[in-house]
């Protein structure tokens, strides 16, 4: 047993939605005391860093209600039940940008908010991009504007907070490293 592990005593499911569920767990702490943890279950997500042959990135701008503002991000979306993460990556790239890729390279996975959520995002790099004649339709409640930009422009968007989410800032760092090779 990990010296910091918390043992679950009880679990109460408070909400089960289309994307997330929320539960409260009573846990026993390593010192024997008890505490409550509010936890979000999420199926996980995939995000894609699309790099065009000329070195430009493809980003998407969309409104995020949780922030009450529009932000610029890399294409991303949740993993459907039983779906392979490579399939999710292909689907999200096509739905959000209208592009496909000849090459998908897995980059890394990371926890988005481990203090309260179990969401893991799997990051891929898409290369050898090509326009799809009739791309799959995106989610009916998703309104997206596609942006092509240089890595320098993307870095500036991070600095001026147009890019405001961790997965995209993380992706920009990795894209710069890849483009400088």
N, C-alpha and C. Protein backbone atom coordinates (compact mmCIF):
# COMPACT_ATOMS: atom_id res chain seq x y z
N UNK A 1 0.84 -1.20 0.00
CA UNK A 1 0.00 0.00 0.00
C UNK A 1 0.88 1.25 0.00
N UNK A 2 0.51 2.21 -0.81
CA UNK A 2 1.18 3.50 -0.88
C UNK A 2 0.98 4.22 0.45
N UNK A 3 2.03 4.83 0.97
CA UNK A 3 1.93 5.51 2.27
C UNK A 3 0.95 6.68 2.28
N UNK A 4 0.58 7.18 1.09
CA UNK A 4 -0.35 8.30 1.00
C UNK A 4 -1.75 7.88 0.55
N UNK A 5 -1.95 6.59 0.31
CA UNK A 5 -3.22 6.11 -0.24
C UNK A 5 -4.39 6.38 0.70
N UNK A 6 -5.50 6.74 0.09
CA UNK A 6 -6.74 6.97 0.84
C UNK A 6 -7.69 5.82 0.54
N UNK A 7 -8.18 5.17 1.58
CA UNK A 7 -9.08 4.03 1.42
C UNK A 7 -10.53 4.53 1.36
N UNK A 8 -11.26 4.10 0.32
CA UNK A 8 -12.66 4.51 0.17
C UNK A 8 -13.54 3.77 1.18
N UNK A 9 -14.31 4.53 1.95
CA UNK A 9 -15.24 3.97 2.94
C UNK A 9 -16.63 3.86 2.33
N UNK A 10 -17.06 4.93 1.64
CA UNK A 10 -18.38 4.92 1.01
C UNK A 10 -18.37 5.85 -0.20
N UNK A 11 -19.31 5.58 -1.12
CA UNK A 11 -19.44 6.39 -2.33
C UNK A 11 -20.90 6.74 -2.56
N UNK A 12 -21.18 8.02 -2.82
CA UNK A 12 -22.52 8.47 -3.18
C UNK A 12 -22.47 9.11 -4.56
N UNK A 13 -23.23 8.55 -5.51
CA UNK A 13 -23.32 9.12 -6.85
C UNK A 13 -24.34 10.26 -6.79
N UNK A 14 -23.89 11.49 -7.10
CA UNK A 14 -24.76 12.66 -7.02
C UNK A 14 -25.37 13.02 -8.37
N UNK A 15 -24.62 12.75 -9.45
CA UNK A 15 -25.08 13.16 -10.77
C UNK A 15 -24.45 12.25 -11.80
N UNK A 16 -25.25 11.85 -12.79
CA UNK A 16 -24.71 11.09 -13.92
C UNK A 16 -25.24 11.73 -15.19
N UNK A 17 -24.34 12.34 -15.95
CA UNK A 17 -24.72 13.05 -17.16
C UNK A 17 -24.22 12.37 -18.41
N UNK A 18 -24.34 13.09 -19.51
CA UNK A 18 -23.94 12.60 -20.82
C UNK A 18 -22.41 12.49 -20.92
N UNK A 19 -21.69 13.38 -20.27
CA UNK A 19 -20.24 13.40 -20.37
C UNK A 19 -19.56 13.04 -19.05
N UNK A 20 -20.05 13.55 -17.94
CA UNK A 20 -19.40 13.32 -16.65
C UNK A 20 -20.38 12.76 -15.63
N UNK A 21 -19.81 12.24 -14.56
CA UNK A 21 -20.61 11.93 -13.38
C UNK A 21 -19.87 12.51 -12.17
N UNK A 22 -20.63 12.78 -11.13
CA UNK A 22 -20.07 13.37 -9.92
C UNK A 22 -20.42 12.49 -8.73
N UNK A 23 -19.41 12.18 -7.95
CA UNK A 23 -19.64 11.37 -6.76
C UNK A 23 -18.90 11.98 -5.57
N UNK A 24 -19.39 11.67 -4.38
CA UNK A 24 -18.71 12.07 -3.16
C UNK A 24 -18.28 10.79 -2.47
N UNK A 25 -17.00 10.72 -2.14
CA UNK A 25 -16.48 9.56 -1.44
C UNK A 25 -16.02 9.97 -0.05
N UNK A 26 -16.35 9.12 0.92
CA UNK A 26 -15.75 9.28 2.24
C UNK A 26 -14.54 8.38 2.24
N UNK A 27 -13.39 8.93 2.64
CA UNK A 27 -12.14 8.18 2.62
C UNK A 27 -11.49 8.17 3.99
N UNK A 28 -10.72 7.11 4.20
CA UNK A 28 -9.87 7.05 5.39
C UNK A 28 -8.49 7.50 4.97
N UNK A 29 -7.97 8.51 5.67
CA UNK A 29 -6.67 9.08 5.36
C UNK A 29 -5.55 8.22 5.94
N UNK A 30 -4.32 8.40 5.50
CA UNK A 30 -3.21 7.60 6.02
C UNK A 30 -3.03 7.68 7.54
N UNK A 31 -3.47 8.78 8.15
CA UNK A 31 -3.34 8.92 9.61
C UNK A 31 -4.54 8.36 10.37
N UNK A 32 -5.52 7.75 9.63
CA UNK A 32 -6.69 7.15 10.26
C UNK A 32 -7.90 8.07 10.32
N UNK A 33 -7.72 9.37 10.09
CA UNK A 33 -8.85 10.29 10.05
C UNK A 33 -9.65 10.09 8.77
N UNK A 34 -10.84 10.69 8.73
CA UNK A 34 -11.70 10.57 7.55
C UNK A 34 -11.91 11.94 6.91
N UNK A 35 -12.16 11.89 5.60
CA UNK A 35 -12.41 13.12 4.84
C UNK A 35 -13.36 12.80 3.70
N UNK A 36 -13.93 13.83 3.10
CA UNK A 36 -14.80 13.66 1.93
C UNK A 36 -14.08 14.18 0.70
N UNK A 37 -14.28 13.48 -0.42
CA UNK A 37 -13.69 13.87 -1.69
C UNK A 37 -14.81 14.00 -2.72
N UNK A 38 -14.90 15.16 -3.38
CA UNK A 38 -15.84 15.38 -4.48
C UNK A 38 -15.10 15.06 -5.77
N UNK A 39 -15.57 14.05 -6.50
CA UNK A 39 -14.82 13.53 -7.65
C UNK A 39 -15.65 13.51 -8.92
N UNK A 40 -15.03 13.92 -10.01
CA UNK A 40 -15.66 13.91 -11.33
C UNK A 40 -15.09 12.73 -12.12
N UNK A 41 -15.99 11.88 -12.63
CA UNK A 41 -15.58 10.80 -13.55
C UNK A 41 -15.74 11.31 -14.97
N UNK A 42 -14.73 11.08 -15.79
CA UNK A 42 -14.75 11.51 -17.19
C UNK A 42 -14.19 10.37 -18.03
N UNK A 43 -14.74 10.12 -19.22
CA UNK A 43 -14.28 8.98 -20.01
C UNK A 43 -12.89 9.16 -20.63
N UNK A 44 -12.33 10.34 -20.52
CA UNK A 44 -11.04 10.61 -21.14
C UNK A 44 -11.23 11.30 -22.48
N UNK A 45 -10.15 11.87 -22.99
CA UNK A 45 -10.22 12.62 -24.23
C UNK A 45 -8.94 12.45 -25.03
N UNK A 46 -9.02 12.85 -26.27
CA UNK A 46 -7.87 12.85 -27.16
C UNK A 46 -7.75 14.24 -27.75
N UNK A 47 -6.53 14.70 -27.91
CA UNK A 47 -6.27 15.99 -28.55
C UNK A 47 -5.21 15.79 -29.62
N UNK A 48 -5.30 16.60 -30.66
CA UNK A 48 -4.42 16.43 -31.82
C UNK A 48 -3.70 17.73 -32.13
N UNK A 49 -2.39 17.63 -32.37
CA UNK A 49 -1.60 18.77 -32.83
C UNK A 49 -1.43 18.61 -34.34
N UNK A 50 -2.28 19.25 -35.14
CA UNK A 50 -2.15 19.13 -36.60
C UNK A 50 -1.10 20.09 -37.13
N UNK A 51 -0.07 19.53 -37.77
CA UNK A 51 1.00 20.34 -38.35
C UNK A 51 0.98 20.17 -39.86
N UNK A 52 0.76 21.27 -40.56
CA UNK A 52 0.70 21.25 -42.02
C UNK A 52 2.10 21.11 -42.60
N UNK A 53 2.18 20.75 -43.88
CA UNK A 53 3.47 20.57 -44.54
C UNK A 53 4.34 21.82 -44.51
N UNK A 54 3.71 23.00 -44.48
CA UNK A 54 4.47 24.25 -44.43
C UNK A 54 4.84 24.66 -43.00
N UNK A 55 4.54 23.78 -42.03
CA UNK A 55 4.89 24.05 -40.63
C UNK A 55 3.83 24.79 -39.84
N UNK A 56 2.76 25.21 -40.49
CA UNK A 56 1.69 25.91 -39.76
C UNK A 56 0.88 24.90 -38.95
N UNK A 57 0.32 25.39 -37.85
CA UNK A 57 -0.56 24.59 -37.00
C UNK A 57 -2.01 24.88 -37.37
N UNK A 58 -2.86 23.90 -37.17
CA UNK A 58 -4.30 24.14 -37.31
C UNK A 58 -4.89 24.12 -35.90
N UNK A 59 -5.50 25.23 -35.54
CA UNK A 59 -6.15 25.38 -34.24
C UNK A 59 -7.63 25.67 -34.47
N UNK A 60 -8.41 25.57 -33.42
CA UNK A 60 -9.84 25.86 -33.52
C UNK A 60 -10.24 26.83 -32.42
N UNK A 61 -11.15 27.72 -32.77
CA UNK A 61 -11.68 28.68 -31.80
C UNK A 61 -13.12 28.29 -31.53
N UNK A 62 -13.44 28.20 -30.23
CA UNK A 62 -14.82 27.90 -29.87
C UNK A 62 -15.15 28.50 -28.51
N UNK A 63 -16.44 28.67 -28.29
CA UNK A 63 -16.93 29.22 -27.03
C UNK A 63 -16.94 28.12 -25.99
N UNK A 64 -16.44 28.42 -24.80
CA UNK A 64 -16.44 27.47 -23.69
C UNK A 64 -17.28 28.06 -22.56
N UNK A 65 -18.46 27.50 -22.36
CA UNK A 65 -19.41 28.02 -21.38
C UNK A 65 -18.82 28.05 -19.96
N UNK A 66 -18.03 27.03 -19.61
CA UNK A 66 -17.44 27.00 -18.26
C UNK A 66 -16.58 28.24 -17.99
N UNK A 67 -16.00 28.80 -19.05
CA UNK A 67 -15.17 30.01 -18.92
C UNK A 67 -15.92 31.27 -19.33
N UNK A 68 -17.10 31.12 -19.94
CA UNK A 68 -17.87 32.24 -20.48
C UNK A 68 -17.07 33.08 -21.46
N UNK A 69 -16.33 32.37 -22.34
CA UNK A 69 -15.55 33.08 -23.36
C UNK A 69 -15.11 32.10 -24.44
N UNK A 70 -14.69 32.65 -25.54
CA UNK A 70 -14.11 31.84 -26.62
C UNK A 70 -12.62 31.72 -26.38
N UNK A 71 -12.08 30.54 -26.69
CA UNK A 71 -10.64 30.32 -26.61
C UNK A 71 -10.19 29.56 -27.86
N UNK A 72 -8.90 29.60 -28.09
CA UNK A 72 -8.30 28.89 -29.22
C UNK A 72 -7.62 27.64 -28.67
N UNK A 73 -7.89 26.51 -29.33
CA UNK A 73 -7.41 25.22 -28.83
C UNK A 73 -6.93 24.34 -29.97
N UNK A 74 -6.28 23.24 -29.61
CA UNK A 74 -6.03 22.20 -30.59
C UNK A 74 -7.31 21.37 -30.67
N UNK A 75 -7.57 20.72 -31.81
CA UNK A 75 -8.76 19.87 -31.92
C UNK A 75 -8.73 18.77 -30.85
N UNK A 76 -9.88 18.53 -30.24
CA UNK A 76 -9.95 17.55 -29.16
C UNK A 76 -11.38 17.10 -28.94
N UNK A 77 -11.52 15.97 -28.29
CA UNK A 77 -12.85 15.49 -27.94
C UNK A 77 -12.79 14.25 -27.08
N UNK A 78 -13.93 13.94 -26.50
CA UNK A 78 -13.97 12.80 -25.58
C UNK A 78 -13.97 11.47 -26.31
N UNK A 79 -13.46 10.49 -25.61
CA UNK A 79 -13.40 9.13 -26.12
C UNK A 79 -14.77 8.50 -25.93
N UNK A 80 -15.32 7.93 -27.00
CA UNK A 80 -16.61 7.24 -26.90
C UNK A 80 -16.39 5.87 -26.26
N UNK A 81 -17.41 5.30 -25.61
CA UNK A 81 -17.26 3.99 -24.95
C UNK A 81 -16.72 2.93 -25.92
N UNK A 82 -15.64 2.28 -25.50
CA UNK A 82 -15.04 1.21 -26.29
C UNK A 82 -14.20 1.68 -27.47
N UNK A 83 -14.07 2.99 -27.65
CA UNK A 83 -13.36 3.52 -28.81
C UNK A 83 -11.85 3.56 -28.53
N UNK A 84 -11.07 3.16 -29.52
CA UNK A 84 -9.62 3.23 -29.45
C UNK A 84 -9.19 4.69 -29.57
N UNK A 85 -8.17 5.09 -28.85
CA UNK A 85 -7.79 6.51 -28.84
C UNK A 85 -7.32 6.99 -30.21
N UNK A 86 -6.73 6.12 -31.03
CA UNK A 86 -6.32 6.53 -32.37
C UNK A 86 -7.55 6.86 -33.23
N UNK A 87 -8.62 6.09 -33.03
CA UNK A 87 -9.87 6.34 -33.76
C UNK A 87 -10.45 7.69 -33.33
N UNK A 88 -10.41 7.95 -32.03
CA UNK A 88 -10.89 9.25 -31.53
C UNK A 88 -10.08 10.38 -32.14
N UNK A 89 -8.77 10.22 -32.22
CA UNK A 89 -7.91 11.26 -32.79
C UNK A 89 -8.27 11.54 -34.24
N UNK A 90 -8.43 10.49 -35.03
CA UNK A 90 -8.82 10.66 -36.44
C UNK A 90 -10.16 11.35 -36.57
N UNK A 91 -11.13 10.89 -35.76
CA UNK A 91 -12.49 11.44 -35.81
C UNK A 91 -12.50 12.92 -35.45
N UNK A 92 -11.84 13.27 -34.36
CA UNK A 92 -11.85 14.67 -33.92
C UNK A 92 -11.14 15.59 -34.91
N UNK A 93 -10.03 15.13 -35.47
CA UNK A 93 -9.34 15.94 -36.47
C UNK A 93 -10.26 16.20 -37.66
N UNK A 94 -10.93 15.17 -38.14
CA UNK A 94 -11.82 15.32 -39.29
C UNK A 94 -13.02 16.21 -38.96
N UNK A 95 -13.69 15.94 -37.84
CA UNK A 95 -14.89 16.70 -37.49
C UNK A 95 -14.60 18.18 -37.25
N UNK A 96 -13.48 18.48 -36.61
CA UNK A 96 -13.22 19.86 -36.21
C UNK A 96 -12.45 20.67 -37.25
N UNK A 97 -11.73 19.99 -38.17
CA UNK A 97 -10.92 20.74 -39.13
C UNK A 97 -11.22 20.39 -40.59
N UNK A 98 -11.85 19.24 -40.83
CA UNK A 98 -12.06 18.81 -42.21
C UNK A 98 -10.83 18.18 -42.83
N UNK A 99 -9.82 17.91 -42.01
CA UNK A 99 -8.58 17.30 -42.49
C UNK A 99 -8.46 15.86 -41.98
N UNK A 100 -7.71 15.08 -42.75
CA UNK A 100 -7.23 13.77 -42.34
C UNK A 100 -5.72 13.85 -42.25
N UNK A 101 -5.08 12.76 -41.82
CA UNK A 101 -3.62 12.76 -41.70
C UNK A 101 -3.07 11.41 -42.15
N UNK A 102 -1.96 11.46 -42.84
CA UNK A 102 -1.28 10.23 -43.25
C UNK A 102 -0.49 9.62 -42.10
N UNK A 103 -0.21 10.44 -41.10
CA UNK A 103 0.60 9.94 -39.98
C UNK A 103 0.09 10.53 -38.67
N UNK A 104 -0.13 9.66 -37.69
CA UNK A 104 -0.48 10.05 -36.33
C UNK A 104 0.58 9.50 -35.40
N UNK A 105 1.24 10.37 -34.66
CA UNK A 105 2.24 9.93 -33.69
C UNK A 105 1.72 10.22 -32.29
N UNK A 106 1.67 9.18 -31.47
CA UNK A 106 1.30 9.37 -30.06
C UNK A 106 2.41 10.17 -29.39
N UNK A 107 2.04 11.18 -28.63
CA UNK A 107 3.02 12.02 -27.95
C UNK A 107 3.08 11.71 -26.46
N UNK A 108 1.93 11.86 -25.78
CA UNK A 108 1.93 11.71 -24.33
C UNK A 108 0.51 11.75 -23.81
N UNK A 109 0.30 11.22 -22.62
CA UNK A 109 -0.98 11.33 -21.92
C UNK A 109 -0.74 12.05 -20.60
N UNK A 110 -1.76 12.77 -20.13
CA UNK A 110 -1.63 13.43 -18.83
C UNK A 110 -3.00 13.66 -18.20
N UNK A 111 -2.98 13.79 -16.87
CA UNK A 111 -4.19 14.09 -16.10
C UNK A 111 -4.45 15.59 -16.18
N UNK A 112 -5.71 15.95 -16.41
CA UNK A 112 -6.03 17.37 -16.56
C UNK A 112 -6.20 18.09 -15.22
N UNK A 113 -6.89 17.47 -14.29
CA UNK A 113 -7.17 18.10 -12.99
C UNK A 113 -7.23 17.03 -11.91
N UNK A 114 -6.09 16.42 -11.56
CA UNK A 114 -6.10 15.25 -10.67
C UNK A 114 -6.60 15.52 -9.25
N UNK A 115 -6.77 16.77 -8.88
CA UNK A 115 -7.29 17.07 -7.55
C UNK A 115 -8.76 16.72 -7.39
N UNK A 116 -9.49 16.62 -8.52
CA UNK A 116 -10.92 16.32 -8.41
C UNK A 116 -11.48 15.53 -9.59
N UNK A 117 -10.69 15.29 -10.65
CA UNK A 117 -11.23 14.60 -11.82
C UNK A 117 -10.25 13.52 -12.29
N UNK A 118 -10.79 12.46 -12.91
CA UNK A 118 -9.95 11.38 -13.41
C UNK A 118 -9.71 11.47 -14.92
N UNK A 119 -10.05 12.60 -15.53
CA UNK A 119 -9.87 12.75 -16.98
C UNK A 119 -8.40 12.65 -17.36
N UNK A 120 -8.13 11.82 -18.36
CA UNK A 120 -6.81 11.70 -18.96
C UNK A 120 -6.95 12.14 -20.42
N UNK A 121 -6.03 13.00 -20.87
CA UNK A 121 -6.00 13.41 -22.28
C UNK A 121 -4.79 12.76 -22.93
N UNK A 122 -5.04 12.17 -24.08
CA UNK A 122 -4.00 11.53 -24.89
C UNK A 122 -3.71 12.45 -26.06
N UNK A 123 -2.44 12.86 -26.21
CA UNK A 123 -2.06 13.82 -27.24
C UNK A 123 -1.38 13.10 -28.41
N UNK A 124 -1.82 13.47 -29.62
CA UNK A 124 -1.22 12.95 -30.85
C UNK A 124 -0.75 14.12 -31.70
N UNK A 125 0.25 13.85 -32.53
CA UNK A 125 0.69 14.80 -33.55
C UNK A 125 0.21 14.26 -34.89
N UNK A 126 -0.44 15.10 -35.68
CA UNK A 126 -0.93 14.70 -37.01
C UNK A 126 -0.06 15.36 -38.08
N UNK A 127 0.48 14.53 -38.97
CA UNK A 127 1.35 15.01 -40.05
C UNK A 127 0.85 14.47 -41.38
N UNK A 128 1.32 15.08 -42.46
CA UNK A 128 0.86 14.64 -43.77
C UNK A 128 -0.62 14.90 -43.93
N UNK A 129 -1.04 16.11 -43.57
CA UNK A 129 -2.46 16.47 -43.58
C UNK A 129 -2.99 16.57 -45.01
N UNK A 130 -4.24 16.21 -45.17
CA UNK A 130 -4.93 16.35 -46.46
C UNK A 130 -6.38 16.72 -46.20
N UNK A 131 -6.92 17.54 -47.08
CA UNK A 131 -8.31 18.01 -46.96
C UNK A 131 -9.24 16.86 -47.35
N UNK A 132 -10.30 16.66 -46.59
CA UNK A 132 -11.30 15.63 -46.86
C UNK A 132 -12.46 16.28 -47.61
N UNK A 133 -12.87 15.68 -48.73
CA UNK A 133 -13.94 16.24 -49.56
C UNK A 133 -15.25 16.41 -48.80
N UNK A 134 -15.69 15.36 -48.13
CA UNK A 134 -16.94 15.39 -47.36
C UNK A 134 -16.66 14.92 -45.94
N UNK A 135 -16.13 15.81 -45.09
CA UNK A 135 -15.78 15.40 -43.73
C UNK A 135 -17.02 15.08 -42.90
N UNK A 136 -16.81 14.21 -41.91
CA UNK A 136 -17.89 13.88 -40.97
C UNK A 136 -18.33 15.14 -40.25
N UNK A 137 -19.62 15.21 -39.99
CA UNK A 137 -20.17 16.37 -39.28
C UNK A 137 -19.73 16.33 -37.82
N UNK A 138 -19.48 17.50 -37.27
CA UNK A 138 -19.14 17.60 -35.85
C UNK A 138 -20.39 17.52 -34.99
N UNK A 139 -20.21 17.68 -33.71
CA UNK A 139 -21.33 17.67 -32.77
C UNK A 139 -22.29 18.80 -33.11
N UNK A 140 -23.59 18.53 -33.01
CA UNK A 140 -24.60 19.52 -33.40
C UNK A 140 -24.60 20.75 -32.52
N UNK A 141 -24.06 20.65 -31.30
CA UNK A 141 -24.05 21.79 -30.40
C UNK A 141 -22.66 22.44 -30.32
N UNK A 142 -21.81 22.16 -31.31
CA UNK A 142 -20.45 22.66 -31.31
C UNK A 142 -20.25 23.60 -32.51
N UNK A 143 -19.85 24.83 -32.24
CA UNK A 143 -19.61 25.82 -33.28
C UNK A 143 -18.13 26.18 -33.25
N UNK A 144 -17.45 25.87 -34.34
CA UNK A 144 -15.99 25.95 -34.37
C UNK A 144 -15.53 26.79 -35.56
N UNK A 145 -14.50 27.59 -35.32
CA UNK A 145 -13.84 28.34 -36.38
C UNK A 145 -12.39 27.87 -36.44
N UNK A 146 -11.94 27.43 -37.61
CA UNK A 146 -10.59 26.92 -37.79
C UNK A 146 -9.61 28.06 -38.06
N UNK A 147 -8.40 27.92 -37.49
CA UNK A 147 -7.35 28.93 -37.63
C UNK A 147 -6.05 28.22 -38.01
N UNK A 148 -5.36 28.77 -39.02
CA UNK A 148 -4.02 28.31 -39.36
C UNK A 148 -3.05 29.37 -38.85
N UNK A 149 -1.98 28.93 -38.20
CA UNK A 149 -1.02 29.90 -37.67
C UNK A 149 0.37 29.29 -37.57
N UNK A 150 1.35 30.18 -37.48
CA UNK A 150 2.73 29.74 -37.26
C UNK A 150 2.91 29.41 -35.78
N UNK A 151 4.00 28.74 -35.48
CA UNK A 151 4.29 28.43 -34.08
C UNK A 151 4.52 29.72 -33.29
N UNK A 152 5.11 30.73 -33.91
CA UNK A 152 5.33 32.02 -33.23
C UNK A 152 3.99 32.69 -32.91
N UNK A 153 3.06 32.63 -33.85
CA UNK A 153 1.74 33.21 -33.60
C UNK A 153 1.03 32.45 -32.47
N UNK A 154 1.17 31.13 -32.46
CA UNK A 154 0.55 30.32 -31.40
C UNK A 154 1.15 30.66 -30.03
N UNK A 155 2.47 30.83 -29.99
CA UNK A 155 3.12 31.22 -28.73
C UNK A 155 2.58 32.56 -28.23
N UNK A 156 2.37 33.51 -29.15
CA UNK A 156 1.83 34.81 -28.76
C UNK A 156 0.41 34.66 -28.22
N UNK A 157 -0.37 33.74 -28.82
CA UNK A 157 -1.74 33.49 -28.34
C UNK A 157 -1.74 32.94 -26.92
N UNK A 158 -0.72 32.15 -26.57
CA UNK A 158 -0.59 31.68 -25.19
C UNK A 158 -0.31 32.86 -24.28
N UNK A 159 0.62 33.72 -24.69
CA UNK A 159 1.01 34.86 -23.86
C UNK A 159 -0.12 35.85 -23.65
N UNK A 160 -0.95 36.05 -24.68
CA UNK A 160 -2.05 37.01 -24.52
C UNK A 160 -3.38 36.34 -24.13
N UNK A 161 -3.30 35.08 -23.76
CA UNK A 161 -4.41 34.30 -23.20
C UNK A 161 -5.57 34.02 -24.15
N UNK A 162 -5.33 34.12 -25.46
CA UNK A 162 -6.32 33.61 -26.40
C UNK A 162 -6.29 32.09 -26.36
N UNK A 163 -5.10 31.53 -26.20
CA UNK A 163 -4.95 30.11 -25.85
C UNK A 163 -4.86 30.09 -24.34
N UNK A 164 -5.83 29.43 -23.71
CA UNK A 164 -6.01 29.56 -22.27
C UNK A 164 -6.12 28.21 -21.56
N UNK A 165 -6.06 27.12 -22.32
CA UNK A 165 -6.20 25.81 -21.68
C UNK A 165 -4.85 25.09 -21.68
N UNK A 166 -4.66 24.23 -20.69
CA UNK A 166 -3.38 23.56 -20.47
C UNK A 166 -3.00 22.63 -21.61
N UNK A 167 -3.95 21.89 -22.18
CA UNK A 167 -3.60 20.93 -23.23
C UNK A 167 -3.03 21.64 -24.45
N UNK A 168 -3.57 22.80 -24.78
CA UNK A 168 -3.10 23.52 -25.95
C UNK A 168 -1.75 24.19 -25.68
N UNK A 169 -1.58 24.78 -24.51
CA UNK A 169 -0.28 25.37 -24.16
C UNK A 169 0.79 24.29 -24.16
N UNK A 170 0.47 23.14 -23.61
CA UNK A 170 1.36 21.98 -23.61
C UNK A 170 1.70 21.59 -25.05
N UNK A 171 0.70 21.55 -25.90
CA UNK A 171 0.88 21.16 -27.30
C UNK A 171 1.78 22.14 -28.05
N UNK A 172 1.63 23.42 -27.76
CA UNK A 172 2.44 24.44 -28.43
C UNK A 172 3.92 24.24 -28.09
N UNK A 173 4.22 23.91 -26.83
CA UNK A 173 5.61 23.64 -26.45
C UNK A 173 6.18 22.47 -27.25
N UNK A 174 5.40 21.40 -27.35
CA UNK A 174 5.86 20.22 -28.09
C UNK A 174 5.94 20.48 -29.59
N UNK A 175 5.00 21.23 -30.13
CA UNK A 175 5.02 21.55 -31.56
C UNK A 175 6.27 22.36 -31.89
N UNK A 176 6.63 23.31 -31.04
CA UNK A 176 7.83 24.11 -31.29
C UNK A 176 9.07 23.22 -31.33
N UNK A 177 9.14 22.29 -30.40
CA UNK A 177 10.27 21.35 -30.36
C UNK A 177 10.32 20.53 -31.64
N UNK A 178 9.16 20.03 -32.09
CA UNK A 178 9.11 19.23 -33.31
C UNK A 178 9.50 20.04 -34.54
N UNK A 179 9.02 21.27 -34.61
CA UNK A 179 9.29 22.12 -35.77
C UNK A 179 10.74 22.61 -35.82
N UNK A 180 11.40 22.65 -34.68
CA UNK A 180 12.80 23.10 -34.65
C UNK A 180 13.79 21.98 -34.98
N UNK A 181 13.29 20.76 -35.18
CA UNK A 181 14.19 19.64 -35.52
C UNK A 181 14.57 19.70 -36.97
